[in-house]
Amino acid sequence: MDSTSKLKQVFADSLGLPLEQITDDLKYHSLPEWDSIAHMSLVAAIDDTFSITLSTDDVINLSSFAAAKEILTKYGVNF
């Protein structure tokens, strides 16, 4: 599974959304499922899936699916 597919699955599982709803346009607080509690669950799932630990700044800047991809590239994940 490529990195984009893995990340989409993490978002879908953490937010309880269908995969087809996970696009670069998906933004934090753009739907009720992505609240602050789901955000922290998403961060933990990203950490586990990609074997990293996001910095506090990265957690704060994780404002969209597109932003997640940008952040993960800093940790050596290729998209």
N, C-alpha and C. Protein backbone atom coordinates (compact mmCIF):
# COMPACT_ATOMS: atom_id res chain seq x y z
N MET A 1 0.85 -1.18 0.00
CA MET A 1 0.00 0.00 0.00
C MET A 1 0.90 1.24 0.00
N ASP A 2 0.63 2.19 -0.88
CA ASP A 2 1.44 3.40 -0.94
C ASP A 2 1.09 4.34 0.21
N SER A 3 1.91 5.37 0.39
CA SER A 3 1.75 6.28 1.52
C SER A 3 0.43 7.04 1.49
N THR A 4 -0.01 7.45 0.30
CA THR A 4 -1.28 8.18 0.20
C THR A 4 -2.43 7.28 0.62
N SER A 5 -2.43 6.05 0.17
CA SER A 5 -3.49 5.10 0.54
C SER A 5 -3.49 4.83 2.03
N LYS A 6 -2.29 4.67 2.60
CA LYS A 6 -2.18 4.44 4.04
C LYS A 6 -2.75 5.62 4.82
N LEU A 7 -2.37 6.83 4.39
CA LEU A 7 -2.83 8.03 5.10
C LEU A 7 -4.34 8.19 4.95
N LYS A 8 -4.87 7.92 3.76
CA LYS A 8 -6.32 7.99 3.57
C LYS A 8 -7.03 7.02 4.50
N GLN A 9 -6.48 5.82 4.64
CA GLN A 9 -7.10 4.82 5.53
C GLN A 9 -7.06 5.29 6.98
N VAL A 10 -5.96 5.89 7.39
CA VAL A 10 -5.84 6.42 8.75
C VAL A 10 -6.91 7.49 8.99
N PHE A 11 -7.06 8.41 8.05
CA PHE A 11 -8.08 9.45 8.17
C PHE A 11 -9.47 8.84 8.22
N ALA A 12 -9.75 7.91 7.32
CA ALA A 12 -11.07 7.28 7.27
C ALA A 12 -11.39 6.57 8.59
N ASP A 13 -10.43 5.79 9.08
CA ASP A 13 -10.64 5.05 10.33
C ASP A 13 -10.78 5.99 11.53
N SER A 14 -9.93 6.99 11.61
CA SER A 14 -9.93 7.90 12.76
C SER A 14 -11.16 8.79 12.80
N LEU A 15 -11.63 9.18 11.62
CA LEU A 15 -12.77 10.11 11.56
C LEU A 15 -14.09 9.41 11.29
N GLY A 16 -14.04 8.10 11.03
CA GLY A 16 -15.26 7.36 10.75
C GLY A 16 -15.92 7.78 9.45
N LEU A 17 -15.10 8.02 8.44
CA LEU A 17 -15.59 8.48 7.14
C LEU A 17 -15.29 7.44 6.07
N PRO A 18 -16.08 7.44 4.99
CA PRO A 18 -15.74 6.57 3.86
C PRO A 18 -14.48 7.09 3.15
N LEU A 19 -13.71 6.16 2.60
CA LEU A 19 -12.46 6.55 1.92
C LEU A 19 -12.65 7.61 0.85
N GLU A 20 -13.76 7.52 0.11
CA GLU A 20 -13.96 8.48 -0.99
C GLU A 20 -14.17 9.91 -0.49
N GLN A 21 -14.40 10.08 0.80
CA GLN A 21 -14.57 11.42 1.35
C GLN A 21 -13.22 12.05 1.76
N ILE A 22 -12.17 11.25 1.72
CA ILE A 22 -10.84 11.73 2.11
C ILE A 22 -10.13 12.27 0.87
N THR A 23 -10.09 13.59 0.77
CA THR A 23 -9.43 14.26 -0.36
C THR A 23 -8.54 15.37 0.19
N ASP A 24 -7.72 15.96 -0.67
CA ASP A 24 -6.85 17.06 -0.25
C ASP A 24 -7.65 18.24 0.28
N ASP A 25 -8.92 18.35 -0.09
CA ASP A 25 -9.77 19.46 0.35
C ASP A 25 -10.33 19.28 1.75
N LEU A 26 -10.18 18.08 2.32
CA LEU A 26 -10.72 17.81 3.66
C LEU A 26 -9.96 18.65 4.68
N LYS A 27 -10.71 19.46 5.45
CA LYS A 27 -10.08 20.37 6.41
C LYS A 27 -10.64 20.15 7.82
N TYR A 28 -9.77 20.42 8.79
CA TYR A 28 -10.13 20.34 10.21
C TYR A 28 -11.34 21.23 10.48
N HIS A 29 -12.30 20.73 11.20
CA HIS A 29 -13.56 21.40 11.55
C HIS A 29 -14.48 21.63 10.35
N SER A 30 -14.16 21.03 9.20
CA SER A 30 -15.04 21.20 8.03
C SER A 30 -16.23 20.26 8.11
N LEU A 31 -16.19 19.30 9.00
CA LEU A 31 -17.31 18.40 9.22
C LEU A 31 -17.31 18.00 10.69
N PRO A 32 -18.46 17.66 11.23
CA PRO A 32 -18.56 17.40 12.67
C PRO A 32 -17.68 16.25 13.17
N GLU A 33 -17.38 15.29 12.30
CA GLU A 33 -16.57 14.15 12.71
C GLU A 33 -15.15 14.54 13.10
N TRP A 34 -14.62 15.62 12.51
CA TRP A 34 -13.24 16.02 12.78
C TRP A 34 -13.24 17.12 13.83
N ASP A 35 -13.46 16.72 15.06
CA ASP A 35 -13.41 17.66 16.18
C ASP A 35 -12.07 17.49 16.90
N SER A 36 -11.92 18.14 18.04
CA SER A 36 -10.63 18.11 18.73
C SER A 36 -10.28 16.71 19.25
N ILE A 37 -11.28 15.95 19.67
CA ILE A 37 -11.02 14.59 20.16
C ILE A 37 -10.57 13.71 18.99
N ALA A 38 -11.28 13.78 17.87
CA ALA A 38 -10.90 13.00 16.69
C ALA A 38 -9.53 13.43 16.18
N HIS A 39 -9.21 14.71 16.33
CA HIS A 39 -7.91 15.21 15.89
C HIS A 39 -6.79 14.50 16.64
N MET A 40 -6.94 14.37 17.94
CA MET A 40 -5.89 13.70 18.72
C MET A 40 -5.81 12.21 18.40
N SER A 41 -6.95 11.61 18.13
CA SER A 41 -6.97 10.20 17.71
C SER A 41 -6.26 10.05 16.37
N LEU A 42 -6.50 10.99 15.48
CA LEU A 42 -5.86 10.99 14.16
C LEU A 42 -4.34 11.13 14.30
N VAL A 43 -3.91 12.03 15.16
CA VAL A 43 -2.47 12.22 15.39
C VAL A 43 -1.84 10.93 15.89
N ALA A 44 -2.48 10.28 16.86
CA ALA A 44 -1.95 9.03 17.40
C ALA A 44 -1.88 7.95 16.32
N ALA A 45 -2.90 7.88 15.49
CA ALA A 45 -2.93 6.88 14.42
C ALA A 45 -1.85 7.16 13.37
N ILE A 46 -1.62 8.42 13.05
CA ILE A 46 -0.55 8.78 12.11
C ILE A 46 0.80 8.39 12.70
N ASP A 47 1.00 8.72 13.97
CA ASP A 47 2.26 8.35 14.64
C ASP A 47 2.49 6.84 14.55
N ASP A 48 1.46 6.06 14.89
CA ASP A 48 1.58 4.59 14.89
C ASP A 48 1.81 4.04 13.48
N THR A 49 1.02 4.51 12.54
CA THR A 49 1.08 3.97 11.17
C THR A 49 2.41 4.25 10.50
N PHE A 50 2.95 5.44 10.72
CA PHE A 50 4.18 5.83 10.03
C PHE A 50 5.42 5.75 10.94
N SER A 51 5.24 5.22 12.15
CA SER A 51 6.34 5.05 13.12
C SER A 51 7.13 6.34 13.33
N ILE A 52 6.39 7.41 13.64
CA ILE A 52 6.98 8.71 13.90
C ILE A 52 6.33 9.29 15.15
N THR A 53 6.83 10.43 15.59
CA THR A 53 6.18 11.21 16.64
C THR A 53 6.10 12.64 16.13
N LEU A 54 4.87 13.08 15.84
CA LEU A 54 4.68 14.43 15.35
C LEU A 54 5.02 15.44 16.45
N SER A 55 5.65 16.53 16.05
CA SER A 55 5.97 17.59 17.01
C SER A 55 4.68 18.35 17.35
N THR A 56 4.74 19.12 18.41
CA THR A 56 3.58 19.94 18.81
C THR A 56 3.18 20.87 17.67
N ASP A 57 4.16 21.50 17.03
CA ASP A 57 3.85 22.40 15.91
C ASP A 57 3.16 21.64 14.78
N ASP A 58 3.61 20.42 14.51
CA ASP A 58 3.00 19.64 13.44
C ASP A 58 1.56 19.26 13.80
N VAL A 59 1.31 18.94 15.05
CA VAL A 59 -0.06 18.61 15.49
C VAL A 59 -0.96 19.82 15.28
N ILE A 60 -0.47 20.99 15.62
CA ILE A 60 -1.25 22.23 15.45
C ILE A 60 -1.46 22.53 13.97
N ASN A 61 -0.45 22.29 13.15
CA ASN A 61 -0.52 22.61 11.72
C ASN A 61 -1.25 21.56 10.89
N LEU A 62 -1.63 20.46 11.52
CA LEU A 62 -2.34 19.39 10.82
C LEU A 62 -3.79 19.84 10.60
N SER A 63 -3.98 20.69 9.61
CA SER A 63 -5.27 21.35 9.41
C SER A 63 -6.06 20.80 8.22
N SER A 64 -5.47 19.87 7.49
CA SER A 64 -6.15 19.30 6.33
C SER A 64 -5.43 18.01 5.92
N PHE A 65 -6.06 17.26 5.03
CA PHE A 65 -5.40 16.07 4.51
C PHE A 65 -4.15 16.48 3.74
N ALA A 66 -4.25 17.55 2.95
CA ALA A 66 -3.09 18.03 2.19
C ALA A 66 -1.96 18.44 3.13
N ALA A 67 -2.29 19.11 4.23
CA ALA A 67 -1.27 19.52 5.20
C ALA A 67 -0.61 18.29 5.83
N ALA A 68 -1.39 17.25 6.08
CA ALA A 68 -0.83 16.01 6.66
C ALA A 68 0.24 15.44 5.73
N LYS A 69 -0.02 15.44 4.44
CA LYS A 69 0.97 14.94 3.49
C LYS A 69 2.24 15.78 3.52
N GLU A 70 2.08 17.10 3.57
CA GLU A 70 3.24 18.00 3.63
C GLU A 70 4.05 17.75 4.90
N ILE A 71 3.35 17.63 6.03
CA ILE A 71 4.03 17.40 7.30
C ILE A 71 4.78 16.08 7.27
N LEU A 72 4.15 15.04 6.77
CA LEU A 72 4.79 13.72 6.76
C LEU A 72 6.02 13.67 5.87
N THR A 73 6.09 14.50 4.85
CA THR A 73 7.28 14.51 4.00
C THR A 73 8.50 14.94 4.81
N LYS A 74 8.31 15.79 5.83
CA LYS A 74 9.42 16.20 6.69
C LYS A 74 9.99 15.02 7.47
N TYR A 75 9.18 13.97 7.63
CA TYR A 75 9.59 12.78 8.37
C TYR A 75 10.04 11.66 7.42
N GLY A 76 10.24 12.01 6.15
CA GLY A 76 10.77 11.05 5.21
C GLY A 76 9.73 10.18 4.50
N VAL A 77 8.46 10.53 4.65
CA VAL A 77 7.39 9.78 3.97
C VAL A 77 7.23 10.37 2.58
N ASN A 78 7.24 9.52 1.57
CA ASN A 78 7.11 9.99 0.18
C ASN A 78 5.69 9.84 -0.33
N PHE A 79 5.20 10.89 -0.98
CA PHE A 79 3.87 10.86 -1.59
C PHE A 79 3.97 11.09 -3.08
